[in-house]
N, C-alpha and C. Protein backbone atom coordinates (compact mmCIF):
# COMPACT_ATOMS: atom_id res chain seq x y z
N MET A 1 271.46 -8.97 -75.55
CA MET A 1 270.93 -7.81 -74.59
C MET A 1 272.66 -7.06 -74.22
N PRO A 2 272.55 -5.96 -74.78
CA PRO A 2 273.84 -5.24 -74.30
C PRO A 2 273.75 -5.08 -72.80
N CYS A 3 275.07 -5.71 -72.24
CA CYS A 3 274.95 -5.30 -70.75
C CYS A 3 275.26 -4.08 -70.18
N ARG A 4 275.77 -2.99 -71.11
CA ARG A 4 275.36 -1.36 -70.66
C ARG A 4 274.08 -1.13 -70.13
N LYS A 5 272.79 -1.71 -70.70
CA LYS A 5 271.59 -1.37 -70.38
C LYS A 5 271.12 -2.22 -69.26
N VAL A 6 271.45 -2.92 -68.61
CA VAL A 6 271.12 -3.49 -67.59
C VAL A 6 271.40 -2.81 -66.35
N THR A 7 270.27 -2.64 -65.59
CA THR A 7 270.20 -1.80 -64.30
C THR A 7 269.91 -2.75 -63.12
N VAL A 8 270.10 -2.31 -62.13
CA VAL A 8 269.66 -3.56 -60.94
C VAL A 8 268.25 -3.22 -60.66
N GLU A 9 267.42 -2.04 -61.29
CA GLU A 9 266.33 -1.67 -61.14
C GLU A 9 265.41 -2.95 -62.27
N LYS A 10 266.08 -3.22 -63.05
CA LYS A 10 265.30 -3.87 -64.39
C LYS A 10 265.29 -5.57 -63.84
N VAL A 11 266.63 -5.61 -62.96
CA VAL A 11 266.51 -7.10 -62.69
C VAL A 11 265.27 -7.10 -61.64
N GLU A 12 265.39 -6.39 -60.47
CA GLU A 12 264.46 -6.04 -59.70
C GLU A 12 262.86 -6.23 -60.26
N GLU A 13 262.72 -5.73 -61.78
CA GLU A 13 261.42 -5.72 -62.20
C GLU A 13 261.01 -7.30 -62.53
N LYS A 14 262.08 -7.44 -63.03
CA LYS A 14 261.92 -8.89 -63.70
C LYS A 14 261.70 -9.85 -62.47
N ARG A 15 262.34 -9.89 -61.27
CA ARG A 15 262.34 -10.80 -60.22
C ARG A 15 260.63 -10.74 -59.63
N GLN A 16 260.10 -9.53 -59.44
CA GLN A 16 259.13 -9.27 -59.07
C GLN A 16 257.63 -9.97 -60.16
N GLU A 17 258.26 -9.81 -61.57
CA GLU A 17 257.47 -10.39 -62.16
C GLU A 17 257.29 -12.03 -62.21
N MET A 18 258.31 -12.39 -62.02
CA MET A 18 258.59 -13.96 -61.79
C MET A 18 257.89 -14.38 -60.40
N ILE A 19 258.21 -13.77 -59.73
CA ILE A 19 257.29 -13.89 -58.31
C ILE A 19 255.98 -14.14 -58.55
N LYS A 20 255.39 -13.05 -59.34
CA LYS A 20 254.09 -13.14 -59.70
C LYS A 20 253.45 -14.10 -60.48
N LEU A 21 254.36 -14.57 -61.25
CA LEU A 21 254.09 -15.48 -62.68
C LEU A 21 253.82 -17.19 -61.94
N GLY A 22 255.04 -17.02 -60.82
CA GLY A 22 254.91 -18.19 -60.17
C GLY A 22 253.71 -18.45 -59.15
N ALA A 23 253.41 -17.42 -58.60
CA ALA A 23 252.25 -17.61 -57.89
C ALA A 23 250.86 -17.72 -58.60
N ILE A 24 250.84 -17.56 -59.53
CA ILE A 24 249.68 -17.24 -60.41
C ILE A 24 249.47 -18.57 -61.23
N TYR A 25 250.61 -18.93 -62.20
CA TYR A 25 250.56 -20.22 -62.63
C TYR A 25 251.63 -21.14 -62.04
N GLY A 26 252.08 -21.19 -61.08
CA GLY A 26 253.27 -22.15 -60.78
C GLY A 26 254.42 -22.24 -60.87
N LEU A 27 255.68 -22.68 -59.94
CA LEU A 27 256.89 -22.50 -60.31
C LEU A 27 257.13 -23.24 -61.56
N THR A 28 256.55 -24.42 -62.13
CA THR A 28 257.34 -25.11 -63.14
C THR A 28 256.30 -24.86 -64.57
N SER A 29 255.46 -23.63 -64.32
CA SER A 29 254.80 -23.23 -65.50
C SER A 29 256.01 -22.93 -66.71
N LEU A 30 255.47 -22.67 -68.15
CA LEU A 30 256.40 -22.13 -69.14
C LEU A 30 256.51 -20.86 -68.85
N VAL A 31 255.47 -20.05 -68.38
CA VAL A 31 256.04 -18.60 -68.55
C VAL A 31 256.76 -18.45 -67.14
N THR A 32 256.77 -19.21 -66.24
CA THR A 32 257.31 -18.78 -65.00
C THR A 32 258.85 -19.07 -64.99
N VAL A 33 259.20 -20.13 -65.87
CA VAL A 33 260.15 -20.65 -66.20
C VAL A 33 260.97 -19.64 -66.99
N GLN A 34 260.43 -19.35 -68.11
CA GLN A 34 260.82 -18.26 -68.99
C GLN A 34 261.18 -16.99 -68.29
N ALA A 35 260.46 -16.75 -67.25
CA ALA A 35 260.68 -15.30 -66.57
C ALA A 35 262.03 -15.48 -65.92
N SER A 36 262.09 -16.77 -65.45
CA SER A 36 263.28 -17.40 -64.30
C SER A 36 264.82 -17.19 -65.47
N GLN A 37 264.46 -17.55 -66.61
CA GLN A 37 265.47 -17.81 -67.64
C GLN A 37 265.96 -16.09 -67.86
N GLU A 38 265.23 -15.49 -68.16
CA GLU A 38 265.49 -14.01 -68.47
C GLU A 38 266.00 -13.23 -67.22
N LEU A 39 265.54 -13.66 -65.75
CA LEU A 39 266.25 -13.11 -64.97
C LEU A 39 267.77 -13.46 -64.65
N ASP A 40 267.65 -14.96 -65.30
CA ASP A 40 269.07 -15.28 -65.38
C ASP A 40 270.13 -14.63 -66.06
N ARG A 41 269.31 -14.28 -67.31
CA ARG A 41 270.47 -13.42 -68.33
C ARG A 41 270.84 -12.31 -67.82
N LEU A 42 269.62 -11.39 -67.15
CA LEU A 42 269.79 -10.21 -66.75
C LEU A 42 270.87 -10.18 -65.28
N LEU A 43 270.91 -11.24 -64.73
CA LEU A 43 271.66 -11.11 -63.93
C LEU A 43 273.20 -11.29 -64.26
N ASN A 44 273.07 -12.43 -65.14
CA ASN A 44 274.38 -12.48 -65.70
C ASN A 44 275.47 -11.22 -66.40
N ALA A 45 274.25 -10.51 -67.23
CA ALA A 45 274.78 -9.07 -67.79
C ALA A 45 275.12 -8.46 -66.85
N LEU A 46 274.43 -8.10 -65.77
CA LEU A 46 274.90 -7.26 -64.78
C LEU A 46 276.11 -7.80 -64.09
N ALA A 47 276.39 -8.99 -63.65
CA ALA A 47 277.78 -9.27 -63.14
C ALA A 47 278.56 -8.98 -64.10
N SER A 48 278.49 -9.48 -65.44
CA SER A 48 279.84 -9.14 -66.33
C SER A 48 280.05 -7.51 -66.63
N LYS A 49 278.71 -6.87 -66.46
CA LYS A 49 279.10 -5.29 -66.55
C LYS A 49 279.85 -4.93 -65.18
N ARG A 50 279.67 -5.39 -64.10
CA ARG A 50 280.28 -5.16 -62.75
C ARG A 50 281.93 -5.43 -63.18
N ASP A 51 281.86 -6.56 -63.58
CA ASP A 51 283.41 -6.98 -63.66
C ASP A 51 284.31 -6.24 -64.81
N SER A 52 283.29 -5.81 -65.82
CA SER A 52 284.19 -5.00 -66.69
C SER A 52 284.44 -3.61 -66.52
N GLU A 53 283.83 -3.04 -65.54
CA GLU A 53 283.69 -1.86 -65.11
C GLU A 53 284.83 -1.90 -64.10
N TYR A 54 284.94 -2.81 -62.83
CA TYR A 54 286.02 -3.31 -62.21
C TYR A 54 287.32 -3.49 -62.57
N PHE A 55 287.36 -4.05 -63.41
CA PHE A 55 288.70 -4.28 -64.23
C PHE A 55 289.42 -3.19 -64.91
N SER A 56 288.26 -2.32 -65.82
CA SER A 56 288.62 -1.08 -66.30
C SER A 56 289.42 -0.19 -65.16
N PHE A 57 288.66 -0.08 -63.93
CA PHE A 57 289.02 0.62 -63.07
C PHE A 57 290.42 0.26 -62.67
N GLN A 58 290.42 -0.97 -62.04
CA GLN A 58 291.74 -1.52 -61.98
C GLN A 58 292.76 -1.24 -62.87
N LYS A 59 292.67 -1.56 -64.30
CA LYS A 59 293.72 -1.45 -65.34
C LYS A 59 294.17 0.31 -65.47
N ALA A 60 293.18 0.80 -65.12
CA ALA A 60 293.33 2.52 -65.16
C ALA A 60 294.14 2.79 -64.10
N ASN A 61 293.81 2.16 -63.14
CA ASN A 61 294.64 2.81 -61.49
C ASN A 61 296.07 1.94 -61.53
N ARG A 62 296.25 1.02 -62.11
CA ARG A 62 297.70 0.45 -62.17
C ARG A 62 298.90 1.38 -62.14
N TYR A 63 298.69 2.56 -63.23
CA TYR A 63 299.70 3.48 -63.62
C TYR A 63 299.83 4.17 -62.69
N PHE A 64 299.24 4.56 -61.63
CA PHE A 64 299.32 5.47 -60.69
C PHE A 64 299.54 5.13 -59.23
């Protein structure tokens, strides 16, 4: 999943989905665990995106 397409809104949608699945099927069910893993991937991609943007900003501003 390209990190540029990850948004806070997508992360929140997946979090809400995981909570609903956990309430319906239980926290250790396969579908809940899969949703949790996807949420982890989204969060990691979002963190990577933010780090990349921060370091690009820092690099661009070090010459000023």
